[in-house]
Amino acid sequence: MKTMTLDDVKRLPPLTAEEVAEVKNFKNTDFEDCPRLTKEQLAEFRPAHPENFVKEKRQKITVYVDSDALEKFNATGLDLESYINSSVRTAVAEYGA
C-alpha cells in the first residue's frame, strides 16, 4: 500500500482500457473481515442514531425562509422537511428541552 496525496494522484497516467476492464470485472472473494451473519444476528441490528428513526406524530407548522437561502438549499437536492426535522432534533438534544 502506498500513501499518496491528491497532487500525486493527479500526476498519474490515465488508466488503460485493459486496466479499466480489470476494475470493472473485479469480483471480491476475500470476505474474511466481514463474515456472513445469521438471521438472528441481523435481527439484533439497531440504528446507530435511533433518534433519526422515531416515527412520531407530526405537526404542521409554517416557517418563512429567505428566498435566496431556499433556492440554494433546493439546489443541493436534500429533502427540506427531513433536514429541518433532523436539525430541530439535534438542537433539542444539544440544548435540552
PDB file of N, CA and C in Angstrom:
ATOM      1  N   MET A   1       0.847  -1.168   0.000  1.00  0.00           N
ATOM      2  CA  MET A   1       0.000   0.000   0.000  1.00  0.00           C
ATOM      3  C   MET A   1       0.889   1.226   0.000  1.00  0.00           C
ATOM      4  N   LYS A   2       0.485   2.216  -0.777  1.00  0.00           N
ATOM      5  CA  LYS A   2       1.262   3.434  -0.867  1.00  0.00           C
ATOM      6  C   LYS A   2       0.358   4.614  -0.539  1.00  0.00           C
ATOM      7  N   THR A   3       0.833   5.497   0.315  1.00  0.00           N
ATOM      8  CA  THR A   3       0.089   6.697   0.650  1.00  0.00           C
ATOM      9  C   THR A   3       0.395   7.761  -0.384  1.00  0.00           C
ATOM     10  N   MET A   4      -0.677   8.391  -0.901  1.00  0.00           N
ATOM     11  CA  MET A   4      -0.493   9.412  -1.925  1.00  0.00           C
ATOM     12  C   MET A   4      -1.337  10.631  -1.587  1.00  0.00           C
ATOM     13  N   THR A   5      -0.866  11.776  -2.019  1.00  0.00           N
ATOM     14  CA  THR A   5      -1.660  12.993  -1.895  1.00  0.00           C
ATOM     15  C   THR A   5      -2.485  13.156  -3.167  1.00  0.00           C
ATOM     16  N   LEU A   6      -3.432  14.090  -3.154  1.00  0.00           N
ATOM     17  CA  LEU A   6      -4.211  14.334  -4.367  1.00  0.00           C
ATOM     18  C   LEU A   6      -3.323  14.819  -5.501  1.00  0.00           C
ATOM     19  N   ASP A   7      -2.289  15.582  -5.167  1.00  0.00           N
ATOM     20  CA  ASP A   7      -1.365  16.031  -6.212  1.00  0.00           C
ATOM     21  C   ASP A   7      -0.657  14.843  -6.859  1.00  0.00           C
ATOM     22  N   ASP A   8      -0.287  13.846  -6.043  1.00  0.00           N
ATOM     23  CA  ASP A   8       0.343  12.636  -6.585  1.00  0.00           C
ATOM     24  C   ASP A   8      -0.612  11.906  -7.534  1.00  0.00           C
ATOM     25  N   VAL A   9      -1.861  11.836  -7.129  1.00  0.00           N
ATOM     26  CA  VAL A   9      -2.852  11.128  -7.941  1.00  0.00           C
ATOM     27  C   VAL A   9      -3.066  11.846  -9.266  1.00  0.00           C
ATOM     28  N   LYS A  10      -3.076  13.180  -9.229  1.00  0.00           N
ATOM     29  CA  LYS A  10      -3.282  13.955 -10.461  1.00  0.00           C
ATOM     30  C   LYS A  10      -2.164  13.731 -11.475  1.00  0.00           C
ATOM     31  N   ARG A  11      -0.984  13.377 -10.997  1.00  0.00           N
ATOM     32  CA  ARG A  11       0.154  13.179 -11.889  1.00  0.00           C
ATOM     33  C   ARG A  11       0.213  11.763 -12.474  1.00  0.00           C
ATOM     34  N   LEU A  12      -0.664  10.875 -12.023  1.00  0.00           N
ATOM     35  CA  LEU A  12      -0.673   9.509 -12.544  1.00  0.00           C
ATOM     36  C   LEU A  12      -1.182   9.498 -13.972  1.00  0.00           C
ATOM     37  N   PRO A  13      -0.655   8.590 -14.796  1.00  0.00           N
ATOM     38  CA  PRO A  13      -1.176   8.488 -16.164  1.00  0.00           C
ATOM     39  C   PRO A  13      -2.597   7.902 -16.127  1.00  0.00           C
ATOM     40  N   PRO A  14      -3.420   8.208 -17.125  1.00  0.00           N
ATOM     41  CA  PRO A  14      -4.776   7.652 -17.146  1.00  0.00           C
ATOM     42  C   PRO A  14      -4.736   6.131 -17.276  1.00  0.00           C
ATOM     43  N   LEU A  15      -5.784   5.475 -16.786  1.00  0.00           N
ATOM     44  CA  LEU A  15      -5.849   4.015 -16.870  1.00  0.00           C
ATOM     45  C   LEU A  15      -5.988   3.571 -18.315  1.00  0.00           C
ATOM     46  N   THR A  16      -5.377   2.454 -18.614  1.00  0.00           N
ATOM     47  CA  THR A  16      -5.528   1.877 -19.951  1.00  0.00           C
ATOM     48  C   THR A  16      -6.872   1.170 -20.029  1.00  0.00           C
ATOM     49  N   ALA A  17      -7.301   0.847 -21.237  1.00  0.00           N
ATOM     50  CA  ALA A  17      -8.571   0.142 -21.421  1.00  0.00           C
ATOM     51  C   ALA A  17      -8.530  -1.207 -20.708  1.00  0.00           C
ATOM     52  N   GLU A  18      -7.375  -1.848 -20.717  1.00  0.00           N
ATOM     53  CA  GLU A  18      -7.221  -3.145 -20.039  1.00  0.00           C
ATOM     54  C   GLU A  18      -7.391  -2.983 -18.519  1.00  0.00           C
ATOM     55  N   GLU A  19      -6.806  -1.929 -17.955  1.00  0.00           N
ATOM     56  CA  GLU A  19      -6.932  -1.683 -16.515  1.00  0.00           C
ATOM     57  C   GLU A  19      -8.377  -1.360 -16.129  1.00  0.00           C
ATOM     58  N   VAL A  20      -9.060  -0.587 -16.960  1.00  0.00           N
ATOM     59  CA  VAL A  20     -10.467  -0.257 -16.700  1.00  0.00           C
ATOM     60  C   VAL A  20     -11.308  -1.524 -16.718  1.00  0.00           C
ATOM     61  N   ALA A  21     -11.067  -2.396 -17.702  1.00  0.00           N
ATOM     62  CA  ALA A  21     -11.808  -3.659 -17.804  1.00  0.00           C
ATOM     63  C   ALA A  21     -11.540  -4.534 -16.582  1.00  0.00           C
ATOM     64  N   GLU A  22     -10.297  -4.553 -16.109  1.00  0.00           N
ATOM     65  CA  GLU A  22      -9.941  -5.343 -14.933  1.00  0.00           C
ATOM     66  C   GLU A  22     -10.693  -4.852 -13.699  1.00  0.00           C
ATOM     67  N   VAL A  23     -10.787  -3.541 -13.537  1.00  0.00           N
ATOM     68  CA  VAL A  23     -11.504  -2.969 -12.397  1.00  0.00           C
ATOM     69  C   VAL A  23     -12.992  -3.299 -12.485  1.00  0.00           C
ATOM     70  N   LYS A  24     -13.578  -3.152 -13.685  1.00  0.00           N
ATOM     71  CA  LYS A  24     -15.000  -3.421 -13.864  1.00  0.00           C
ATOM     72  C   LYS A  24     -15.351  -4.886 -13.637  1.00  0.00           C
ATOM     73  N   ASN A  25     -14.436  -5.779 -13.943  1.00  0.00           N
ATOM     74  CA  ASN A  25     -14.702  -7.218 -13.827  1.00  0.00           C
ATOM     75  C   ASN A  25     -14.228  -7.817 -12.502  1.00  0.00           C
ATOM     76  N   PHE A  26     -13.751  -6.985 -11.593  1.00  0.00           N
ATOM     77  CA  PHE A  26     -13.221  -7.490 -10.333  1.00  0.00           C
ATOM     78  C   PHE A  26     -14.330  -8.112  -9.486  1.00  0.00           C
ATOM     79  N   LYS A  27     -14.081  -9.281  -8.986  1.00  0.00           N
ATOM     80  CA  LYS A  27     -15.003  -9.971  -8.083  1.00  0.00           C
ATOM     81  C   LYS A  27     -14.267 -10.241  -6.786  1.00  0.00           C
ATOM     82  N   ASN A  28     -14.757  -9.664  -5.698  1.00  0.00           N
ATOM     83  CA  ASN A  28     -14.114  -9.859  -4.407  1.00  0.00           C
ATOM     84  C   ASN A  28     -14.467 -11.236  -3.868  1.00  0.00           C
ATOM     85  N   THR A  29     -13.462 -11.992  -3.513  1.00  0.00           N
ATOM     86  CA  THR A  29     -13.688 -13.325  -2.945  1.00  0.00           C
ATOM     87  C   THR A  29     -13.135 -13.432  -1.528  1.00  0.00           C
ATOM     88  N   ASP A  30     -12.538 -12.356  -1.040  1.00  0.00           N
ATOM     89  CA  ASP A  30     -11.950 -12.372   0.292  1.00  0.00           C
ATOM     90  C   ASP A  30     -12.880 -11.647   1.259  1.00  0.00           C
ATOM     91  N   PHE A  31     -13.724 -12.401   1.963  1.00  0.00           N
ATOM     92  CA  PHE A  31     -14.663 -11.816   2.900  1.00  0.00           C
ATOM     93  C   PHE A  31     -14.275 -12.140   4.342  1.00  0.00           C
ATOM     94  N   GLU A  32     -12.987 -12.371   4.569  1.00  0.00           N
ATOM     95  CA  GLU A  32     -12.500 -12.745   5.888  1.00  0.00           C
ATOM     96  C   GLU A  32     -12.827 -11.707   6.948  1.00  0.00           C
ATOM     97  N   ASP A  33     -12.774 -10.418   6.562  1.00  0.00           N
ATOM     98  CA  ASP A  33     -13.003  -9.355   7.538  1.00  0.00           C
ATOM     99  C   ASP A  33     -14.481  -8.997   7.701  1.00  0.00           C
ATOM    100  N   CYS A  34     -15.360  -9.662   6.954  1.00  0.00           N
ATOM    101  CA  CYS A  34     -16.798  -9.398   7.108  1.00  0.00           C
ATOM    102  C   CYS A  34     -17.566 -10.714   6.922  1.00  0.00           C
ATOM    103  N   PRO A  35     -17.569 -11.534   7.946  1.00  0.00           N
ATOM    104  CA  PRO A  35     -18.214 -12.845   7.842  1.00  0.00           C
ATOM    105  C   PRO A  35     -19.722 -12.715   7.661  1.00  0.00           C
ATOM    106  N   ARG A  36     -20.316 -13.727   7.060  1.00  0.00           N
ATOM    107  CA  ARG A  36     -21.774 -13.745   6.887  1.00  0.00           C
ATOM    108  C   ARG A  36     -22.433 -13.826   8.255  1.00  0.00           C
ATOM    109  N   LEU A  37     -23.539 -13.096   8.395  1.00  0.00           N
ATOM    110  CA  LEU A  37     -24.262 -13.090   9.650  1.00  0.00           C
ATOM    111  C   LEU A  37     -25.524 -13.933   9.531  1.00  0.00           C
ATOM    112  N   THR A  38     -25.931 -14.496  10.650  1.00  0.00           N
ATOM    113  CA  THR A  38     -27.156 -15.294  10.667  1.00  0.00           C
ATOM    114  C   THR A  38     -28.356 -14.351  10.707  1.00  0.00           C
ATOM    115  N   LYS A  39     -29.543 -14.880  10.450  1.00  0.00           N
ATOM    116  CA  LYS A  39     -30.753 -14.068  10.523  1.00  0.00           C
ATOM    117  C   LYS A  39     -30.953 -13.519  11.936  1.00  0.00           C
ATOM    118  N   GLU A  40     -30.584 -14.315  12.924  1.00  0.00           N
ATOM    119  CA  GLU A  40     -30.722 -13.884  14.314  1.00  0.00           C
ATOM    120  C   GLU A  40     -29.795 -12.691  14.599  1.00  0.00           C
ATOM    121  N   GLN A  41     -28.567 -12.764  14.095  1.00  0.00           N
ATOM    122  CA  GLN A  41     -27.624 -11.663  14.298  1.00  0.00           C
ATOM    123  C   GLN A  41     -28.111 -10.401  13.580  1.00  0.00           C
ATOM    124  N   LEU A  42     -28.608 -10.559  12.366  1.00  0.00           N
ATOM    125  CA  LEU A  42     -29.110  -9.407  11.618  1.00  0.00           C
ATOM    126  C   LEU A  42     -30.316  -8.781  12.314  1.00  0.00           C
ATOM    127  N   ALA A  43     -31.146  -9.613  12.937  1.00  0.00           N
ATOM    128  CA  ALA A  43     -32.334  -9.108  13.638  1.00  0.00           C
ATOM    129  C   ALA A  43     -31.955  -8.244  14.840  1.00  0.00           C
ATOM    130  N   GLU A  44     -30.750  -8.419  15.365  1.00  0.00           N
ATOM    131  CA  GLU A  44     -30.291  -7.643  16.520  1.00  0.00           C
ATOM    132  C   GLU A  44     -29.766  -6.260  16.137  1.00  0.00           C
ATOM    133  N   PHE A  45     -29.593  -6.000  14.855  1.00  0.00           N
ATOM    134  CA  PHE A  45     -29.072  -4.703  14.418  1.00  0.00           C
ATOM    135  C   PHE A  45     -30.021  -3.588  14.823  1.00  0.00           C
ATOM    136  N   ARG A  46     -29.456  -2.484  15.247  1.00  0.00           N
ATOM    137  CA  ARG A  46     -30.215  -1.299  15.604  1.00  0.00           C
ATOM    138  C   ARG A  46     -29.531  -0.089  14.965  1.00  0.00           C
ATOM    139  N   PRO A  47     -30.287   0.963  14.654  1.00  0.00           N
ATOM    140  CA  PRO A  47     -29.683   2.160  14.063  1.00  0.00           C
ATOM    141  C   PRO A  47     -28.656   2.774  15.008  1.00  0.00           C
ATOM    142  N   ALA A  48     -27.594   3.334  14.450  1.00  0.00           N
ATOM    143  CA  ALA A  48     -26.570   3.997  15.256  1.00  0.00           C
ATOM    144  C   ALA A  48     -27.152   5.247  15.917  1.00  0.00           C
ATOM    145  N   HIS A  49     -28.090   5.892  15.241  1.00  0.00           N
ATOM    146  CA  HIS A  49     -28.730   7.102  15.762  1.00  0.00           C
ATOM    147  C   HIS A  49     -30.237   6.895  15.725  1.00  0.00           C
ATOM    148  N   PRO A  50     -30.777   6.176  16.699  1.00  0.00           N
ATOM    149  CA  PRO A  50     -32.206   5.845  16.663  1.00  0.00           C
ATOM    150  C   PRO A  50     -33.117   7.066  16.692  1.00  0.00           C
ATOM    151  N   GLU A  51     -32.632   8.197  17.173  1.00  0.00           N
ATOM    152  CA  GLU A  51     -33.474   9.392  17.212  1.00  0.00           C
ATOM    153  C   GLU A  51     -33.876   9.840  15.808  1.00  0.00           C
ATOM    154  N   ASN A  52     -33.101   9.446  14.804  1.00  0.00           N
ATOM    155  CA  ASN A  52     -33.431   9.799  13.428  1.00  0.00           C
ATOM    156  C   ASN A  52     -34.522   8.903  12.848  1.00  0.00           C
ATOM    157  N   PHE A  53     -34.879   7.828  13.563  1.00  0.00           N
ATOM    158  CA  PHE A  53     -35.840   6.873  13.046  1.00  0.00           C
ATOM    159  C   PHE A  53     -37.141   6.848  13.844  1.00  0.00           C
ATOM    160  N   VAL A  54     -37.311   7.813  14.721  1.00  0.00           N
ATOM    161  CA  VAL A  54     -38.515   7.868  15.537  1.00  0.00           C
ATOM    162  C   VAL A  54     -39.678   8.270  14.643  1.00  0.00           C
ATOM    163  N   LYS A  55     -40.747   7.494  14.676  1.00  0.00           N
ATOM    164  CA  LYS A  55     -41.927   7.801  13.866  1.00  0.00           C
ATOM    165  C   LYS A  55     -43.006   8.368  14.772  1.00  0.00           C
ATOM    166  N   GLU A  56     -42.860   9.614  15.112  1.00  0.00           N
ATOM    167  CA  GLU A  56     -43.819  10.299  15.967  1.00  0.00           C
ATOM    168  C   GLU A  56     -44.865  10.964  15.090  1.00  0.00           C
ATOM    169  N   LYS A  57     -45.979  11.327  15.703  1.00  0.00           N
ATOM    170  CA  LYS A  57     -46.994  12.089  15.005  1.00  0.00           C
ATOM    171  C   LYS A  57     -46.393  13.453  14.683  1.00  0.00           C
ATOM    172  N   ARG A  58     -46.583  13.891  13.460  1.00  0.00           N
ATOM    173  CA  ARG A  58     -46.017  15.171  13.051  1.00  0.00           C
ATOM    174  C   ARG A  58     -47.053  16.272  13.164  1.00  0.00           C
ATOM    175  N   GLN A  59     -46.553  17.475  13.360  1.00  0.00           N
ATOM    176  CA  GLN A  59     -47.415  18.646  13.478  1.00  0.00           C
ATOM    177  C   GLN A  59     -47.025  19.625  12.386  1.00  0.00           C
ATOM    178  N   LYS A  60     -48.014  20.141  11.688  1.00  0.00           N
ATOM    179  CA  LYS A  60     -47.753  21.083  10.607  1.00  0.00           C
ATOM    180  C   LYS A  60     -47.472  22.465  11.190  1.00  0.00           C
ATOM    181  N   ILE A  61     -46.418  23.101  10.662  1.00  0.00           N
ATOM    182  CA  ILE A  61     -46.077  24.462  11.066  1.00  0.00           C
ATOM    183  C   ILE A  61     -45.807  25.284   9.811  1.00  0.00           C
ATOM    184  N   THR A  62     -45.751  26.583   9.965  1.00  0.00           N
ATOM    185  CA  THR A  62     -45.394  27.470   8.861  1.00  0.00           C
ATOM    186  C   THR A  62     -44.093  28.156   9.224  1.00  0.00           C
ATOM    187  N   VAL A  63     -43.155  28.134   8.295  1.00  0.00           N
ATOM    188  CA  VAL A  63     -41.855  28.764   8.525  1.00  0.00           C
ATOM    189  C   VAL A  63     -41.539  29.637   7.324  1.00  0.00           C
ATOM    190  N   TYR A  64     -41.112  30.849   7.581  1.00  0.00           N
ATOM    191  CA  TYR A  64     -40.692  31.729   6.499  1.00  0.00           C
ATOM    192  C   TYR A  64     -39.176  31.641   6.370  1.00  0.00           C
ATOM    193  N   VAL A  65     -38.720  31.398   5.151  1.00  0.00           N
ATOM    194  CA  VAL A  65     -37.291  31.235   4.884  1.00  0.00           C
ATOM    195  C   VAL A  65     -36.899  32.220   3.787  1.00  0.00           C
ATOM    196  N   ASP A  66     -35.723  32.809   3.900  1.00  0.00           N
ATOM    197  CA  ASP A  66     -35.247  33.730   2.863  1.00  0.00           C
ATOM    198  C   ASP A  66     -35.200  33.018   1.519  1.00  0.00           C
ATOM    199  N   SER A  67     -35.681  33.685   0.477  1.00  0.00           N
ATOM    200  CA  SER A  67     -35.769  33.084  -0.855  1.00  0.00           C
ATOM    201  C   SER A  67     -34.421  32.591  -1.368  1.00  0.00           C
ATOM    202  N   ASP A  68     -33.388  33.410  -1.173  1.00  0.00           N
ATOM    203  CA  ASP A  68     -32.074  33.017  -1.688  1.00  0.00           C
ATOM    204  C   ASP A  68     -31.538  31.780  -0.972  1.00  0.00           C
ATOM    205  N   ALA A  69     -31.789  31.706   0.348  1.00  0.00           N
ATOM    206  CA  ALA A  69     -31.337  30.538   1.108  1.00  0.00           C
ATOM    207  C   ALA A  69     -32.094  29.298   0.664  1.00  0.00           C
ATOM    208  N   LEU A  70     -33.402  29.441   0.436  1.00  0.00           N
ATOM    209  CA  LEU A  70     -34.215  28.309  -0.004  1.00  0.00           C
ATOM    210  C   LEU A  70     -33.788  27.836  -1.384  1.00  0.00           C
ATOM    211  N   GLU A  71     -33.493  28.768  -2.266  1.00  0.00           N
ATOM    212  CA  GLU A  71     -33.024  28.420  -3.608  1.00  0.00           C
ATOM    213  C   GLU A  71     -31.738  27.600  -3.544  1.00  0.00           C
ATOM    214  N   LYS A  72     -30.799  28.069  -2.736  1.00  0.00           N
ATOM    215  CA  LYS A  72     -29.522  27.361  -2.603  1.00  0.00           C
ATOM    216  C   LYS A  72     -29.716  25.987  -1.979  1.00  0.00           C
ATOM    217  N   PHE A  73     -30.615  25.893  -0.980  1.00  0.00           N
ATOM    218  CA  PHE A  73     -30.861  24.608  -0.350  1.00  0.00           C
ATOM    219  C   PHE A  73     -31.483  23.640  -1.342  1.00  0.00           C
ATOM    220  N   ASN A  74     -32.470  24.101  -2.094  1.00  0.00           N
ATOM    221  CA  ASN A  74     -33.132  23.231  -3.073  1.00  0.00           C
ATOM    222  C   ASN A  74     -32.152  22.726  -4.127  1.00  0.00           C
ATOM    223  N   ALA A  75     -31.132  23.519  -4.422  1.00  0.00           N
ATOM    224  CA  ALA A  75     -30.125  23.108  -5.404  1.00  0.00           C
ATOM    225  C   ALA A  75     -29.289  21.928  -4.899  1.00  0.00           C
ATOM    226  N   THR A  76     -29.273  21.698  -3.580  1.00  0.00           N
ATOM    227  CA  THR A  76     -28.490  20.576  -3.032  1.00  0.00           C
ATOM    228  C   THR A  76     -29.168  19.244  -3.273  1.00  0.00           C
ATOM    229  N   GLY A  77     -30.494  19.266  -3.513  1.00  0.00           N
ATOM    230  CA  GLY A  77     -31.224  18.018  -3.718  1.00  0.00           C
ATOM    231  C   GLY A  77     -31.644  17.344  -2.427  1.00  0.00           C
ATOM    232  N   LEU A  78     -31.346  17.960  -1.281  1.00  0.00           N
ATOM    233  CA  LEU A  78     -31.752  17.385   0.000  1.00  0.00           C
ATOM    234  C   LEU A  78     -33.240  17.629   0.235  1.00  0.00           C
ATOM    235  N   ASP A  79     -33.847  16.806   1.066  1.00  0.00           N
ATOM    236  CA  ASP A  79     -35.255  16.957   1.425  1.00  0.00           C
ATOM    237  C   ASP A  79     -35.350  17.962   2.561  1.00  0.00           C
ATOM    238  N   LEU A  80     -35.986  19.104   2.292  1.00  0.00           N
ATOM    239  CA  LEU A  80     -36.036  20.200   3.259  1.00  0.00           C
ATOM    240  C   LEU A  80     -36.746  19.793   4.546  1.00  0.00           C
ATOM    241  N   GLU A  81     -37.877  19.114   4.430  1.00  0.00           N
ATOM    242  CA  GLU A  81     -38.634  18.736   5.622  1.00  0.00           C
ATOM    243  C   GLU A  81     -37.813  17.820   6.529  1.00  0.00           C
ATOM    244  N   SER A  82     -37.168  16.824   5.946  1.00  0.00           N
ATOM    245  CA  SER A  82     -36.333  15.909   6.740  1.00  0.00           C
ATOM    246  C   SER A  82     -35.154  16.641   7.366  1.00  0.00           C
ATOM    247  N   TYR A  83     -34.558  17.555   6.594  1.00  0.00           N
ATOM    248  CA  TYR A  83     -33.409  18.295   7.097  1.00  0.00           C
ATOM    249  C   TYR A  83     -33.799  19.179   8.279  1.00  0.00           C
ATOM    250  N   ILE A  84     -34.919  19.868   8.152  1.00  0.00           N
ATOM    251  CA  ILE A  84     -35.371  20.735   9.245  1.00  0.00           C
ATOM    252  C   ILE A  84     -35.698  19.889  10.473  1.00  0.00           C
ATOM    253  N   ASN A  85     -36.405  18.778  10.274  1.00  0.00           N
ATOM    254  CA  ASN A  85     -36.771  17.912  11.392  1.00  0.00           C
ATOM    255  C   ASN A  85     -35.523  17.398  12.111  1.00  0.00           C
ATOM    256  N   SER A  86     -34.534  16.960  11.331  1.00  0.00           N
ATOM    257  CA  SER A  86     -33.287  16.469  11.912  1.00  0.00           C
ATOM    258  C   SER A  86     -32.561  17.590  12.669  1.00  0.00           C
ATOM    259  N   SER A  87     -32.574  18.786  12.106  1.00  0.00           N
ATOM    260  CA  SER A  87     -31.912  19.928  12.749  1.00  0.00           C
ATOM    261  C   SER A  87     -32.582  20.280  14.073  1.00  0.00           C
ATOM    262  N   VAL A  88     -33.915  20.225  14.091  1.00  0.00           N
ATOM    263  CA  VAL A  88     -34.630  20.526  15.333  1.00  0.00           C
ATOM    264  C   VAL A  88     -34.312  19.466  16.386  1.00  0.00           C
ATOM    265  N   ARG A  89     -34.292  18.195  15.978  1.00  0.00           N
ATOM    266  CA  ARG A  89     -33.955  17.113  16.929  1.00  0.00           C
ATOM    267  C   ARG A  89     -32.536  17.297  17.485  1.00  0.00           C
ATOM    268  N   THR A  90     -31.596  17.655  16.609  1.00  0.00           N
ATOM    269  CA  THR A  90     -30.224  17.877  17.047  1.00  0.00           C
ATOM    270  C   THR A  90     -30.155  19.034  18.035  1.00  0.00           C
ATOM    271  N   ALA A  91     -30.868  20.123  17.744  1.00  0.00           N
ATOM    272  CA  ALA A  91     -30.857  21.278  18.650  1.00  0.00           C
ATOM    273  C   ALA A  91     -31.458  20.927  19.998  1.00  0.00           C
ATOM    274  N   VAL A  92     -32.539  20.161  19.996  1.00  0.00           N
ATOM    275  CA  VAL A  92     -33.172  19.767  21.258  1.00  0.00           C
ATOM    276  C   VAL A  92     -32.206  18.898  22.069  1.00  0.00           C
ATOM    277  N   ALA A  93     -31.534  17.966  21.385  1.00  0.00           N
ATOM    278  CA  ALA A  93     -30.585  17.089  22.082  1.00  0.00           C
ATOM    279  C   ALA A  93     -29.411  17.885  22.644  1.00  0.00           C
ATOM    280  N   GLU A  94     -28.956  18.883  21.878  1.00  0.00           N
ATOM    281  CA  GLU A  94     -27.782  19.663  22.279  1.00  0.00           C
ATOM    282  C   GLU A  94     -28.110  20.677  23.379  1.00  0.00           C
ATOM    283  N   TYR A  95     -29.238  21.330  23.264  1.00  0.00           N
ATOM    284  CA  TYR A  95     -29.558  22.400  24.199  1.00  0.00           C
ATOM    285  C   TYR A  95     -30.552  21.977  25.272  1.00  0.00           C
ATOM    286  N   GLY A  96     -31.084  20.789  25.145  1.00  0.00           N
ATOM    287  CA  GLY A  96     -32.022  20.286  26.131  1.00  0.00           C
ATOM    288  C   GLY A  96     -33.366  20.967  26.050  1.00  0.00           C
ATOM    289  N   ALA A  97     -34.367  20.183  26.308  1.00  0.00           N
ATOM    290  CA  ALA A  97     -35.724  20.748  26.289  1.00  0.00           C
ATOM    291  C   ALA A  97     -36.657  19.836  27.055  1.00  0.00           C
TER     292      ALA A  97
END
